[in-house]
Amino acid sequence: MNATVHQMPRNEPSLAPVLALTADGMNCVNQIILDRMQSKIPLIPALAGHLIAGGGKRMRPMLTLASAALLEYEGNRHHKLAASVEFIHTATLLHDDVVDGSDMRRGKQAANMIFGNPAAVLVGDFLFSRSFELMVEDGSLKVLKILSGASAIIAEGEVDQLTAQRRVETGEEQYLSIIGAKTAALFAAACRIAAVVAERDPGIEQKLDDYGRNLGIAFQLVDDAIDYDSDVGESGKDKGDDFREGKMTLPVILAYARGDAEERQFWQDAMRGKRSSDDDLAHATALIAKHGTVADTRERARHFANRAIDAISGFPANEARAAMIEAAQFAVSRRF
């Protein structure tokens, strides 16, 4: 579990290097996404476009392209596969918002609030189907196995999270298992498929898998910290969503473990939906600040980001490796 300590750059880490590295490729990917989300049923592109055009970092397809650049792959198979990865991610977001009853997504009204839950679920299914069409067109059974396997793991992680919801006895080990499935699995697959199309050996595949998996865990840890970070003004979702939905994320797990009897009773009531007002959220945020659990969550994220960096440290020092290292650093330092 130990990881080498890497010094953060003096300037705030940024996604700018990986954005620049993948800009041309992402233009191709975005065109594929636009083409493949079309349908003769007007509601489908309207709903899909609401989410797809709504911003987002597009981290997962960018990681496919960055990993291909790291391996100096010169083909174009990874473009369709990166689009496939983004369709999987978008489909899961549509389904998640229905399950969670979310009002906001990426700073905009969630698609299910505009178009309704049935439409959001069905368009999510459509995007999953488009994703698998792209995989089949690529023709690699190995790629198909990696991405279809990741899709199944994501679904398992979401179900695991659902069963853990409002259960204060949820521990850190189960929490890490949940985010390893629902978030990190697709990060890992997005990176690994680049090694497959570049026809690299299984050892290289595993290194890229390790990079993506650890980066995904770090990314989700910070997401969960942001929900309770009072300095955040623009997270792209309603502040306190996790609190009101009774999600046992790491800031809450640690605060519950460190709290006295009165604090633990508050968390039991809150996670069971009995304390969900703005005042209750303010009290939860104060308890989290008291026990320093946001800072500790970010520190755990830094650990996983360093493990991601370790995974690619043996690759040649080039623009792609530098961009991927800074992307891992950004995952920890970001405030949105």
C-alpha atoms as a PDB file:
ATOM      1  CA  MET A   1       0.000   0.000   0.000  1.00  0.00           C
ATOM      2  CA  ASN A   2       3.004   2.311   0.239  1.00  0.00           C
ATOM      3  CA  ALA A   3       3.622   4.784  -2.546  1.00  0.00           C
ATOM      4  CA  THR A   4       6.520   7.014  -3.406  1.00  0.00           C
ATOM      5  CA  VAL A   5       5.968  10.616  -2.311  1.00  0.00           C
ATOM      6  CA  HIS A   6       5.974  12.869  -5.351  1.00  0.00           C
ATOM      7  CA  GLN A   7       6.452  16.594  -4.994  1.00  0.00           C
ATOM      8  CA  MET A   8       3.558  18.625  -6.365  1.00  0.00           C
ATOM      9  CA  PRO A   9       4.572  21.361  -8.816  1.00  0.00           C
ATOM     10  CA  ARG A  10       4.710  24.904  -7.482  1.00  0.00           C
ATOM     11  CA  ASN A  11       1.890  26.061  -9.688  1.00  0.00           C
ATOM     12  CA  GLU A  12      -1.552  24.575  -9.159  1.00  0.00           C
ATOM     13  CA  PRO A  13      -1.843  21.315 -11.138  1.00  0.00           C
ATOM     14  CA  SER A  14      -4.023  21.576 -14.217  1.00  0.00           C
ATOM     15  CA  LEU A  15      -5.682  19.474 -16.878  1.00  0.00           C
ATOM     16  CA  ALA A  16      -4.247  21.848 -19.493  1.00  0.00           C
ATOM     17  CA  PRO A  17      -1.381  19.523 -20.531  1.00  0.00           C
ATOM     18  CA  VAL A  18      -3.623  16.497 -21.083  1.00  0.00           C
ATOM     19  CA  LEU A  19      -6.206  18.693 -22.826  1.00  0.00           C
ATOM     20  CA  ALA A  20      -3.517  19.965 -25.210  1.00  0.00           C
ATOM     21  CA  LEU A  21      -2.110  16.480 -25.723  1.00  0.00           C
ATOM     22  CA  THR A  22      -5.485  15.017 -26.694  1.00  0.00           C
ATOM     23  CA  ALA A  23      -7.142  18.029 -28.386  1.00  0.00           C
ATOM     24  CA  ASP A  24      -6.989  16.718 -31.955  1.00  0.00           C
ATOM     25  CA  GLY A  25      -8.048  13.238 -30.953  1.00  0.00           C
ATOM     26  CA  MET A  26     -10.914  14.559 -28.823  1.00  0.00           C
ATOM     27  CA  ASN A  27     -12.229  16.441 -31.849  1.00  0.00           C
ATOM     28  CA  CYS A  28     -12.525  13.083 -33.598  1.00  0.00           C
ATOM     29  CA  VAL A  29     -14.058  11.466 -30.515  1.00  0.00           C
ATOM     30  CA  ASN A  30     -16.603  14.247 -30.095  1.00  0.00           C
ATOM     31  CA  GLN A  31     -17.647  13.915 -33.730  1.00  0.00           C
ATOM     32  CA  ILE A  32     -18.179  10.178 -33.255  1.00  0.00           C
ATOM     33  CA  ILE A  33     -20.226  10.867 -30.117  1.00  0.00           C
ATOM     34  CA  LEU A  34     -22.348  13.419 -31.977  1.00  0.00           C
ATOM     35  CA  ASP A  35     -22.914  11.061 -34.915  1.00  0.00           C
ATOM     36  CA  ARG A  36     -23.737   7.997 -32.820  1.00  0.00           C
ATOM     37  CA  MET A  37     -26.169   9.665 -30.418  1.00  0.00           C
ATOM     38  CA  GLN A  38     -28.466  10.487 -33.353  1.00  0.00           C
ATOM     39  CA  SER A  39     -31.750   8.650 -33.825  1.00  0.00           C
ATOM     40  CA  LYS A  40     -34.940   8.977 -35.861  1.00  0.00           C
ATOM     41  CA  ILE A  41     -36.666   9.328 -32.462  1.00  0.00           C
ATOM     42  CA  PRO A  42     -36.137  13.042 -31.681  1.00  0.00           C
ATOM     43  CA  LEU A  43     -36.294  12.618 -27.906  1.00  0.00           C
ATOM     44  CA  ILE A  44     -33.127  10.490 -27.905  1.00  0.00           C
ATOM     45  CA  PRO A  45     -30.651  13.059 -29.285  1.00  0.00           C
ATOM     46  CA  ALA A  46     -32.429  15.833 -27.386  1.00  0.00           C
ATOM     47  CA  LEU A  47     -32.035  14.118 -24.031  1.00  0.00           C
ATOM     48  CA  ALA A  48     -28.569  12.694 -24.706  1.00  0.00           C
ATOM     49  CA  GLY A  49     -27.398  16.034 -26.038  1.00  0.00           C
ATOM     50  CA  HIS A  50     -28.597  17.825 -22.896  1.00  0.00           C
ATOM     51  CA  LEU A  51     -26.100  15.846 -20.827  1.00  0.00           C
ATOM     52  CA  ILE A  52     -23.331  15.333 -23.374  1.00  0.00           C
ATOM     53  CA  ALA A  53     -23.267  19.024 -24.320  1.00  0.00           C
ATOM     54  CA  GLY A  54     -23.534  20.049 -20.670  1.00  0.00           C
ATOM     55  CA  GLY A  55     -19.815  20.168 -20.017  1.00  0.00           C
ATOM     56  CA  GLY A  56     -17.828  17.727 -17.929  1.00  0.00           C
ATOM     57  CA  LYS A  57     -14.124  17.039 -18.028  1.00  0.00           C
ATOM     58  CA  ARG A  58     -14.363  14.041 -20.402  1.00  0.00           C
ATOM     59  CA  MET A  59     -11.619  12.493 -18.289  1.00  0.00           C
ATOM     60  CA  ARG A  60     -12.250   8.901 -19.326  1.00  0.00           C
ATOM     61  CA  PRO A  61     -11.986   9.268 -23.115  1.00  0.00           C
ATOM     62  CA  MET A  62      -9.073  11.665 -22.643  1.00  0.00           C
ATOM     63  CA  LEU A  63      -7.295   8.976 -20.659  1.00  0.00           C
ATOM     64  CA  THR A  64      -7.742   6.517 -23.534  1.00  0.00           C
ATOM     65  CA  LEU A  65      -6.144   9.014 -25.904  1.00  0.00           C
ATOM     66  CA  ALA A  66      -3.389   9.995 -23.454  1.00  0.00           C
ATOM     67  CA  SER A  67      -2.539   6.352 -22.798  1.00  0.00           C
ATOM     68  CA  ALA A  68      -2.298   5.734 -26.549  1.00  0.00           C
ATOM     69  CA  ALA A  69       0.016   8.743 -26.843  1.00  0.00           C
ATOM     70  CA  LEU A  70       2.128   7.389 -23.988  1.00  0.00           C
ATOM     71  CA  LEU A  71       2.592   4.206 -26.033  1.00  0.00           C
ATOM     72  CA  GLU A  72       3.215   6.205 -29.237  1.00  0.00           C
ATOM     73  CA  TYR A  73       0.292   4.483 -30.945  1.00  0.00           C
ATOM     74  CA  GLU A  74      -0.226   5.974 -34.408  1.00  0.00           C
ATOM     75  CA  GLY A  75      -3.502   4.380 -35.481  1.00  0.00           C
ATOM     76  CA  ASN A  76      -7.049   5.605 -34.935  1.00  0.00           C
ATOM     77  CA  ARG A  77      -8.892   2.645 -33.391  1.00  0.00           C
ATOM     78  CA  HIS A  78      -8.763   4.353 -30.013  1.00  0.00           C
ATOM     79  CA  HIS A  79     -11.073   7.160 -31.207  1.00  0.00           C
ATOM     80  CA  LYS A  80     -14.155   4.950 -31.469  1.00  0.00           C
ATOM     81  CA  LEU A  81     -13.225   3.175 -28.270  1.00  0.00           C
ATOM     82  CA  ALA A  82     -12.832   6.461 -26.398  1.00  0.00           C
ATOM     83  CA  ALA A  83     -16.328   7.390 -27.617  1.00  0.00           C
ATOM     84  CA  SER A  84     -17.548   4.019 -26.379  1.00  0.00           C
ATOM     85  CA  VAL A  85     -16.072   4.746 -22.961  1.00  0.00           C
ATOM     86  CA  GLU A  86     -17.837   8.120 -22.831  1.00  0.00           C
ATOM     87  CA  PHE A  87     -21.160   6.548 -23.803  1.00  0.00           C
ATOM     88  CA  ILE A  88     -20.829   4.048 -20.947  1.00  0.00           C
ATOM     89  CA  HIS A  89     -20.098   6.888 -18.551  1.00  0.00           C
ATOM     90  CA  THR A  90     -22.975   9.039 -19.826  1.00  0.00           C
ATOM     91  CA  ALA A  91     -25.417   6.145 -19.599  1.00  0.00           C
ATOM     92  CA  THR A  92     -24.447   5.507 -15.987  1.00  0.00           C
ATOM     93  CA  LEU A  93     -24.924   9.204 -15.156  1.00  0.00           C
ATOM     94  CA  LEU A  94     -28.433   9.161 -16.596  1.00  0.00           C
ATOM     95  CA  HIS A  95     -29.304   6.070 -14.586  1.00  0.00           C
ATOM     96  CA  ASP A  96     -27.638   7.406 -11.422  1.00  0.00           C
ATOM     97  CA  ASP A  97     -29.631  10.636 -11.516  1.00  0.00           C
ATOM     98  CA  VAL A  98     -32.854   8.645 -11.678  1.00  0.00           C
ATOM     99  CA  VAL A  99     -31.816   6.398  -8.792  1.00  0.00           C
ATOM    100  CA  ASP A 100     -30.623   9.339  -6.680  1.00  0.00           C
ATOM    101  CA  GLY A 101     -33.453  11.684  -7.636  1.00  0.00           C
ATOM    102  CA  SER A 102     -30.857  14.319  -8.484  1.00  0.00           C
ATOM    103  CA  ASP A 103     -31.952  17.823  -9.452  1.00  0.00           C
ATOM    104  CA  MET A 104     -28.625  18.992 -10.868  1.00  0.00           C
ATOM    105  CA  ARG A 105     -25.883  17.573 -13.070  1.00  0.00           C
ATOM    106  CA  ARG A 106     -22.819  19.552 -14.185  1.00  0.00           C
ATOM    107  CA  GLY A 107     -24.356  22.785 -12.961  1.00  0.00           C
ATOM    108  CA  LYS A 108     -27.537  22.310 -15.012  1.00  0.00           C
ATOM    109  CA  GLN A 109     -30.925  20.803 -14.345  1.00  0.00           C
ATOM    110  CA  ALA A 110     -30.598  17.018 -14.548  1.00  0.00           C
ATOM    111  CA  ALA A 111     -32.031  15.369 -17.668  1.00  0.00           C
ATOM    112  CA  ASN A 112     -34.516  13.293 -15.663  1.00  0.00           C
ATOM    113  CA  MET A 113     -35.984  16.483 -14.181  1.00  0.00           C
ATOM    114  CA  ILE A 114     -36.647  17.857 -17.678  1.00  0.00           C
ATOM    115  CA  PHE A 115     -37.556  14.753 -19.670  1.00  0.00           C
ATOM    116  CA  GLY A 116     -38.767  12.443 -16.892  1.00  0.00           C
ATOM    117  CA  ASN A 117     -37.337   9.304 -15.318  1.00  0.00           C
ATOM    118  CA  PRO A 118     -38.601   6.771 -17.910  1.00  0.00           C
ATOM    119  CA  ALA A 119     -37.032   8.696 -20.788  1.00  0.00           C
ATOM    120  CA  ALA A 120     -33.730   9.127 -18.924  1.00  0.00           C
ATOM    121  CA  VAL A 121     -33.502   5.385 -18.195  1.00  0.00           C
ATOM    122  CA  LEU A 122     -34.354   4.395 -21.755  1.00  0.00           C
ATOM    123  CA  VAL A 123     -31.937   6.860 -23.353  1.00  0.00           C
ATOM    124  CA  GLY A 124     -29.273   5.557 -20.977  1.00  0.00           C
ATOM    125  CA  ASP A 125     -30.022   2.089 -22.348  1.00  0.00           C
ATOM    126  CA  PHE A 126     -29.723   3.469 -25.888  1.00  0.00           C
ATOM    127  CA  LEU A 127     -26.277   4.914 -25.125  1.00  0.00           C
ATOM    128  CA  PHE A 128     -25.132   1.602 -23.622  1.00  0.00           C
ATOM    129  CA  SER A 129     -26.214  -0.057 -26.863  1.00  0.00           C
ATOM    130  CA  ARG A 130     -24.321   2.479 -28.965  1.00  0.00           C
ATOM    131  CA  SER A 131     -21.256   1.859 -26.811  1.00  0.00           C
ATOM    132  CA  PHE A 132     -21.366  -1.871 -27.521  1.00  0.00           C
ATOM    133  CA  GLU A 133     -21.886  -1.242 -31.241  1.00  0.00           C
ATOM    134  CA  LEU A 134     -18.631   0.717 -31.262  1.00  0.00           C
ATOM    135  CA  MET A 135     -16.830  -2.083 -29.435  1.00  0.00           C
ATOM    136  CA  VAL A 136     -18.075  -4.663 -31.925  1.00  0.00           C
ATOM    137  CA  GLU A 137     -17.005  -2.461 -34.841  1.00  0.00           C
ATOM    138  CA  ASP A 138     -13.486  -2.403 -33.414  1.00  0.00           C
ATOM    139  CA  GLY A 139     -13.430  -6.180 -33.750  1.00  0.00           C
ATOM    140  CA  SER A 140     -11.264  -7.025 -30.752  1.00  0.00           C
ATOM    141  CA  LEU A 141     -12.707  -9.619 -28.387  1.00  0.00           C
ATOM    142  CA  LYS A 142     -10.156  -8.520 -25.794  1.00  0.00           C
ATOM    143  CA  VAL A 143     -11.376  -4.912 -25.914  1.00  0.00           C
ATOM    144  CA  LEU A 144     -14.966  -6.148 -25.757  1.00  0.00           C
ATOM    145  CA  LYS A 145     -14.133  -8.244 -22.697  1.00  0.00           C
ATOM    146  CA  ILE A 146     -12.424  -5.329 -20.916  1.00  0.00           C
ATOM    147  CA  LEU A 147     -15.187  -2.788 -21.523  1.00  0.00           C
ATOM    148  CA  SER A 148     -18.118  -5.156 -21.025  1.00  0.00           C
ATOM    149  CA  GLY A 149     -16.482  -6.389 -17.829  1.00  0.00           C
ATOM    150  CA  ALA A 150     -16.081  -2.820 -16.608  1.00  0.00           C
ATOM    151  CA  SER A 151     -19.762  -2.146 -17.376  1.00  0.00           C
ATOM    152  CA  ALA A 152     -20.812  -5.097 -15.226  1.00  0.00           C
ATOM    153  CA  ILE A 153     -18.517  -4.020 -12.391  1.00  0.00           C
ATOM    154  CA  ILE A 154     -19.932  -0.478 -12.491  1.00  0.00           C
ATOM    155  CA  ALA A 155     -23.450  -1.862 -12.124  1.00  0.00           C
ATOM    156  CA  GLU A 156     -22.340  -4.040  -9.206  1.00  0.00           C
ATOM    157  CA  GLY A 157     -20.760  -1.013  -7.541  1.00  0.00           C
ATOM    158  CA  GLU A 158     -23.934   1.023  -7.909  1.00  0.00           C
ATOM    159  CA  VAL A 159     -26.008  -1.782  -6.395  1.00  0.00           C
ATOM    160  CA  ASP A 160     -23.486  -2.135  -3.559  1.00  0.00           C
ATOM    161  CA  GLN A 161     -23.730   1.612  -2.924  1.00  0.00           C
ATOM    162  CA  LEU A 162     -27.512   1.356  -2.912  1.00  0.00           C
ATOM    163  CA  THR A 163     -27.438  -1.392  -0.288  1.00  0.00           C
ATOM    164  CA  ALA A 164     -24.983   0.648   1.824  1.00  0.00           C
ATOM    165  CA  GLN A 165     -27.085   3.803   1.600  1.00  0.00           C
ATOM    166  CA  ARG A 166     -28.335   5.051   4.984  1.00  0.00           C
ATOM    167  CA  ARG A 167     -26.357   2.356   6.823  1.00  0.00           C
ATOM    168  CA  VAL A 168     -24.045   4.070   9.306  1.00  0.00           C
ATOM    169  CA  GLU A 169     -22.215   0.816   9.935  1.00  0.00           C
ATOM    170  CA  THR A 170     -20.695   1.023   6.437  1.00  0.00           C
ATOM    171  CA  GLY A 171     -16.924   1.006   6.885  1.00  0.00           C
ATOM    172  CA  GLU A 172     -13.997   2.359   4.923  1.00  0.00           C
ATOM    173  CA  GLU A 173     -13.211  -1.017   3.346  1.00  0.00           C
ATOM    174  CA  GLN A 174     -16.693  -1.361   1.838  1.00  0.00           C
ATOM    175  CA  TYR A 175     -16.633   2.286   0.755  1.00  0.00           C
ATOM    176  CA  LEU A 176     -13.360   1.791  -1.111  1.00  0.00           C
ATOM    177  CA  SER A 177     -14.784  -1.354  -2.702  1.00  0.00           C
ATOM    178  CA  ILE A 178     -17.815   0.623  -3.888  1.00  0.00           C
ATOM    179  CA  ILE A 179     -15.843   3.459  -5.468  1.00  0.00           C
ATOM    180  CA  GLY A 180     -13.347   0.982  -6.899  1.00  0.00           C
ATOM    181  CA  ALA A 181     -16.254  -0.535  -8.805  1.00  0.00           C
ATOM    182  CA  LYS A 182     -18.536   2.364  -9.651  1.00  0.00           C
ATOM    183  CA  THR A 183     -15.818   4.846 -10.614  1.00  0.00           C
ATOM    184  CA  ALA A 184     -12.340   3.331 -10.853  1.00  0.00           C
ATOM    185  CA  ALA A 185     -13.275   0.345 -13.038  1.00  0.00           C
ATOM    186  CA  LEU A 186     -14.050   2.534 -16.049  1.00  0.00           C
ATOM    187  CA  PHE A 187     -10.940   4.696 -15.511  1.00  0.00           C
ATOM    188  CA  ALA A 188      -8.887   1.483 -15.509  1.00  0.00           C
ATOM    189  CA  ALA A 189     -10.572   0.068 -18.614  1.00  0.00           C
ATOM    190  CA  ALA A 190     -10.248   3.383 -20.477  1.00  0.00           C
ATOM    191  CA  CYS A 191      -6.488   3.271 -20.015  1.00  0.00           C
ATOM    192  CA  ARG A 192      -6.023  -0.463 -20.530  1.00  0.00           C
ATOM    193  CA  ILE A 193      -7.699  -0.633 -23.938  1.00  0.00           C
ATOM    194  CA  ALA A 194      -5.034   1.717 -25.316  1.00  0.00           C
ATOM    195  CA  ALA A 195      -2.418  -0.951 -24.635  1.00  0.00           C
ATOM    196  CA  VAL A 196      -4.586  -3.532 -26.425  1.00  0.00           C
ATOM    197  CA  VAL A 197      -4.958  -1.483 -29.617  1.00  0.00           C
ATOM    198  CA  ALA A 198      -1.237  -0.646 -29.462  1.00  0.00           C
ATOM    199  CA  GLU A 199      -0.554  -4.416 -29.235  1.00  0.00           C
ATOM    200  CA  ARG A 200       1.543  -4.169 -26.088  1.00  0.00           C
ATOM    201  CA  ASP A 201       2.211  -7.027 -23.697  1.00  0.00           C
ATOM    202  CA  PRO A 202       0.036  -7.807 -20.649  1.00  0.00           C
ATOM    203  CA  GLY A 203       2.549  -6.137 -18.323  1.00  0.00           C
ATOM    204  CA  ILE A 204       2.019  -2.803 -20.067  1.00  0.00           C
ATOM    205  CA  GLU A 205      -1.734  -3.345 -19.984  1.00  0.00           C
ATOM    206  CA  GLN A 206      -1.537  -3.881 -16.238  1.00  0.00           C
ATOM    207  CA  LYS A 207       0.505  -0.734 -15.625  1.00  0.00           C
ATOM    208  CA  LEU A 208      -2.046   1.372 -17.471  1.00  0.00           C
ATOM    209  CA  ASP A 209      -4.861  -0.424 -15.647  1.00  0.00           C
ATOM    210  CA  ASP A 210      -3.151   0.390 -12.330  1.00  0.00           C
ATOM    211  CA  TYR A 211      -2.747   4.023 -13.326  1.00  0.00           C
ATOM    212  CA  GLY A 212      -6.410   4.394 -14.262  1.00  0.00           C
ATOM    213  CA  ARG A 213      -7.741   2.465 -11.276  1.00  0.00           C
ATOM    214  CA  ASN A 214      -5.788   4.449  -8.703  1.00  0.00           C
ATOM    215  CA  LEU A 215      -6.581   7.720 -10.460  1.00  0.00           C
ATOM    216  CA  GLY A 216     -10.283   6.825 -10.443  1.00  0.00           C
ATOM    217  CA  ILE A 217     -10.244   6.140  -6.700  1.00  0.00           C
ATOM    218  CA  ALA A 218      -8.440   9.435  -6.057  1.00  0.00           C
ATOM    219  CA  PHE A 219     -10.929  11.260  -8.276  1.00  0.00           C
ATOM    220  CA  GLN A 220     -13.955   9.846  -6.436  1.00  0.00           C
ATOM    221  CA  LEU A 221     -12.454  10.495  -3.010  1.00  0.00           C
ATOM    222  CA  VAL A 222     -12.079  14.160  -3.906  1.00  0.00           C
ATOM    223  CA  ASP A 223     -15.613  14.247  -5.349  1.00  0.00           C
ATOM    224  CA  ASP A 224     -16.896  12.999  -2.014  1.00  0.00           C
ATOM    225  CA  ALA A 225     -14.802  15.518  -0.094  1.00  0.00           C
ATOM    226  CA  ILE A 226     -16.141  18.356  -2.255  1.00  0.00           C
ATOM    227  CA  ASP A 227     -19.721  17.644  -1.152  1.00  0.00           C
ATOM    228  CA  TYR A 228     -18.758  18.765   2.365  1.00  0.00           C
ATOM    229  CA  ASP A 229     -16.149  21.376   1.479  1.00  0.00           C
ATOM    230  CA  SER A 230     -17.555  24.738   2.525  1.00  0.00           C
ATOM    231  CA  ASP A 231     -15.168  26.571   0.171  1.00  0.00           C
ATOM    232  CA  VAL A 232     -16.701  25.024  -2.922  1.00  0.00           C
ATOM    233  CA  GLY A 233     -18.971  27.327  -4.850  1.00  0.00           C
ATOM    234  CA  GLU A 234     -19.381  25.479  -8.133  1.00  0.00           C
ATOM    235  CA  SER A 235     -19.312  21.716  -7.889  1.00  0.00           C
ATOM    236  CA  GLY A 236     -21.825  21.067 -10.659  1.00  0.00           C
ATOM    237  CA  LYS A 237     -24.358  19.503  -8.328  1.00  0.00           C
ATOM    238  CA  ASP A 238     -26.470  20.598  -5.400  1.00  0.00           C
ATOM    239  CA  LYS A 239     -24.316  21.069  -2.326  1.00  0.00           C
ATOM    240  CA  GLY A 240     -25.090  18.427   0.259  1.00  0.00           C
ATOM    241  CA  ASP A 241     -26.562  15.914  -2.211  1.00  0.00           C
ATOM    242  CA  ASP A 242     -24.598  13.056  -0.650  1.00  0.00           C
ATOM    243  CA  PHE A 243     -25.725  14.107   2.825  1.00  0.00           C
ATOM    244  CA  ARG A 244     -29.415  14.266   1.923  1.00  0.00           C
ATOM    245  CA  GLU A 245     -29.244  10.975   0.029  1.00  0.00           C
ATOM    246  CA  GLY A 246     -27.733   9.234   3.053  1.00  0.00           C
ATOM    247  CA  LYS A 247     -24.543   8.225   1.265  1.00  0.00           C
ATOM    248  CA  MET A 248     -21.854   6.923   3.600  1.00  0.00           C
ATOM    249  CA  THR A 249     -18.867   8.557   1.950  1.00  0.00           C
ATOM    250  CA  LEU A 250     -15.443   8.707   3.568  1.00  0.00           C
ATOM    251  CA  PRO A 251     -15.832  12.158   5.227  1.00  0.00           C
ATOM    252  CA  VAL A 252     -18.939  10.836   7.011  1.00  0.00           C
ATOM    253  CA  ILE A 253     -17.452   7.416   7.813  1.00  0.00           C
ATOM    254  CA  LEU A 254     -14.461   9.070   9.492  1.00  0.00           C
ATOM    255  CA  ALA A 255     -16.570  11.687  11.311  1.00  0.00           C
ATOM    256  CA  TYR A 256     -18.891   8.975  12.628  1.00  0.00           C
ATOM    257  CA  ALA A 257     -15.954   6.867  13.821  1.00  0.00           C
ATOM    258  CA  ARG A 258     -14.362   9.829  15.622  1.00  0.00           C
ATOM    259  CA  GLY A 259     -17.534  11.329  17.068  1.00  0.00           C
ATOM    260  CA  ASP A 260     -18.881  11.132  20.608  1.00  0.00           C
ATOM    261  CA  ALA A 261     -22.234   9.524  21.440  1.00  0.00           C
ATOM    262  CA  GLU A 262     -24.220  12.680  20.647  1.00  0.00           C
ATOM    263  CA  GLU A 263     -22.483  13.156  17.310  1.00  0.00           C
ATOM    264  CA  ARG A 264     -22.980   9.523  16.388  1.00  0.00           C
ATOM    265  CA  GLN A 265     -26.693   9.835  17.117  1.00  0.00           C
ATOM    266  CA  PHE A 266     -26.836  12.841  14.812  1.00  0.00           C
ATOM    267  CA  TRP A 267     -25.179  10.872  12.009  1.00  0.00           C
ATOM    268  CA  GLN A 268     -27.515   7.911  12.575  1.00  0.00           C
ATOM    269  CA  ASP A 269     -30.541  10.192  12.299  1.00  0.00           C
ATOM    270  CA  ALA A 270     -29.113  12.099   9.327  1.00  0.00           C
ATOM    271  CA  MET A 271     -28.174   9.050   7.299  1.00  0.00           C
ATOM    272  CA  ARG A 272     -31.622   7.586   7.934  1.00  0.00           C
ATOM    273  CA  GLY A 273     -33.239  10.721   6.508  1.00  0.00           C
ATOM    274  CA  LYS A 274     -34.447  12.203   9.791  1.00  0.00           C
ATOM    275  CA  ARG A 275     -32.095  15.205   9.691  1.00  0.00           C
ATOM    276  CA  SER A 276     -31.895  16.713   6.208  1.00  0.00           C
ATOM    277  CA  SER A 277     -32.563  20.457   6.559  1.00  0.00           C
ATOM    278  CA  ASP A 278     -30.084  23.185   5.630  1.00  0.00           C
ATOM    279  CA  ASP A 279     -29.329  23.602   9.342  1.00  0.00           C
ATOM    280  CA  ASP A 280     -28.634  19.881   9.597  1.00  0.00           C
ATOM    281  CA  LEU A 281     -26.283  20.091   6.613  1.00  0.00           C
ATOM    282  CA  ALA A 282     -24.504  23.007   8.265  1.00  0.00           C
ATOM    283  CA  HIS A 283     -24.150  20.959  11.455  1.00  0.00           C
ATOM    284  CA  ALA A 284     -22.816  17.976   9.484  1.00  0.00           C
ATOM    285  CA  THR A 285     -20.287  20.221   7.745  1.00  0.00           C
ATOM    286  CA  ALA A 286     -19.224  21.630  11.133  1.00  0.00           C
ATOM    287  CA  LEU A 287     -18.687  18.118  12.556  1.00  0.00           C
ATOM    288  CA  ILE A 288     -16.662  17.141   9.519  1.00  0.00           C
ATOM    289  CA  ALA A 289     -14.547  20.275   9.919  1.00  0.00           C
ATOM    290  CA  LYS A 290     -14.122  19.566  13.639  1.00  0.00           C
ATOM    291  CA  HIS A 291     -12.672  16.128  12.952  1.00  0.00           C
ATOM    292  CA  GLY A 292     -10.723  17.158   9.839  1.00  0.00           C
ATOM    293  CA  THR A 293     -12.241  14.436   7.710  1.00  0.00           C
ATOM    294  CA  VAL A 294     -12.278  16.391   4.430  1.00  0.00           C
ATOM    295  CA  ALA A 295      -8.541  16.971   4.781  1.00  0.00           C
ATOM    296  CA  ASP A 296      -8.011  13.304   5.619  1.00  0.00           C
ATOM    297  CA  THR A 297     -10.121  12.237   2.638  1.00  0.00           C
ATOM    298  CA  ARG A 298      -7.987  14.408   0.365  1.00  0.00           C
ATOM    299  CA  GLU A 299      -4.863  12.906   1.930  1.00  0.00           C
ATOM    300  CA  ARG A 300      -6.091   9.421   1.097  1.00  0.00           C
ATOM    301  CA  ALA A 301      -6.782  10.657  -2.426  1.00  0.00           C
ATOM    302  CA  ARG A 302      -3.192  11.890  -2.619  1.00  0.00           C
ATOM    303  CA  HIS A 303      -2.000   8.404  -1.676  1.00  0.00           C
ATOM    304  CA  PHE A 304      -3.918   6.833  -4.577  1.00  0.00           C
ATOM    305  CA  ALA A 305      -2.819   9.573  -6.971  1.00  0.00           C
ATOM    306  CA  ASN A 306       0.789   8.810  -6.061  1.00  0.00           C
ATOM    307  CA  ARG A 307       0.167   5.129  -6.741  1.00  0.00           C
ATOM    308  CA  ALA A 308      -1.183   6.094 -10.166  1.00  0.00           C
ATOM    309  CA  ILE A 309       1.973   8.093 -10.848  1.00  0.00           C
ATOM    310  CA  ASP A 310       4.127   5.178  -9.686  1.00  0.00           C
ATOM    311  CA  ALA A 311       2.370   2.896 -12.189  1.00  0.00           C
ATOM    312  CA  ILE A 312       3.623   4.901 -15.193  1.00  0.00           C
ATOM    313  CA  SER A 313       6.973   5.985 -13.755  1.00  0.00           C
ATOM    314  CA  GLY A 314       8.799   3.358 -15.833  1.00  0.00           C
ATOM    315  CA  PHE A 315       7.573   4.689 -19.171  1.00  0.00           C
ATOM    316  CA  PRO A 316       9.830   7.009 -21.187  1.00  0.00           C
ATOM    317  CA  ALA A 317       9.755  10.615 -20.031  1.00  0.00           C
ATOM    318  CA  ASN A 318       7.685  12.311 -22.720  1.00  0.00           C
ATOM    319  CA  GLU A 319       4.853  14.805 -23.082  1.00  0.00           C
ATOM    320  CA  ALA A 320       2.181  12.172 -22.517  1.00  0.00           C
ATOM    321  CA  ARG A 321       3.705  10.868 -19.276  1.00  0.00           C
ATOM    322  CA  ALA A 322       4.104  14.412 -17.936  1.00  0.00           C
ATOM    323  CA  ALA A 323       0.485  15.221 -18.817  1.00  0.00           C
ATOM    324  CA  MET A 324      -0.791  12.039 -17.156  1.00  0.00           C
ATOM    325  CA  ILE A 325       1.234  12.739 -14.012  1.00  0.00           C
ATOM    326  CA  GLU A 326      -0.196  16.245 -13.807  1.00  0.00           C
ATOM    327  CA  ALA A 327      -3.705  14.874 -14.375  1.00  0.00           C
ATOM    328  CA  ALA A 328      -3.229  12.700 -11.274  1.00  0.00           C
ATOM    329  CA  GLN A 329      -2.031  15.710  -9.304  1.00  0.00           C
ATOM    330  CA  PHE A 330      -4.995  17.738 -10.534  1.00  0.00           C
ATOM    331  CA  ALA A 331      -7.394  15.018  -9.383  1.00  0.00           C
ATOM    332  CA  VAL A 332      -6.278  15.672  -5.803  1.00  0.00           C
ATOM    333  CA  SER A 333      -6.001  19.458  -5.861  1.00  0.00           C
ATOM    334  CA  ARG A 334      -9.223  20.282  -7.704  1.00  0.00           C
ATOM    335  CA  ARG A 335     -12.042  22.161  -5.973  1.00  0.00           C
ATOM    336  CA  PHE A 336     -14.852  21.315  -8.396  1.00  0.00           C
END
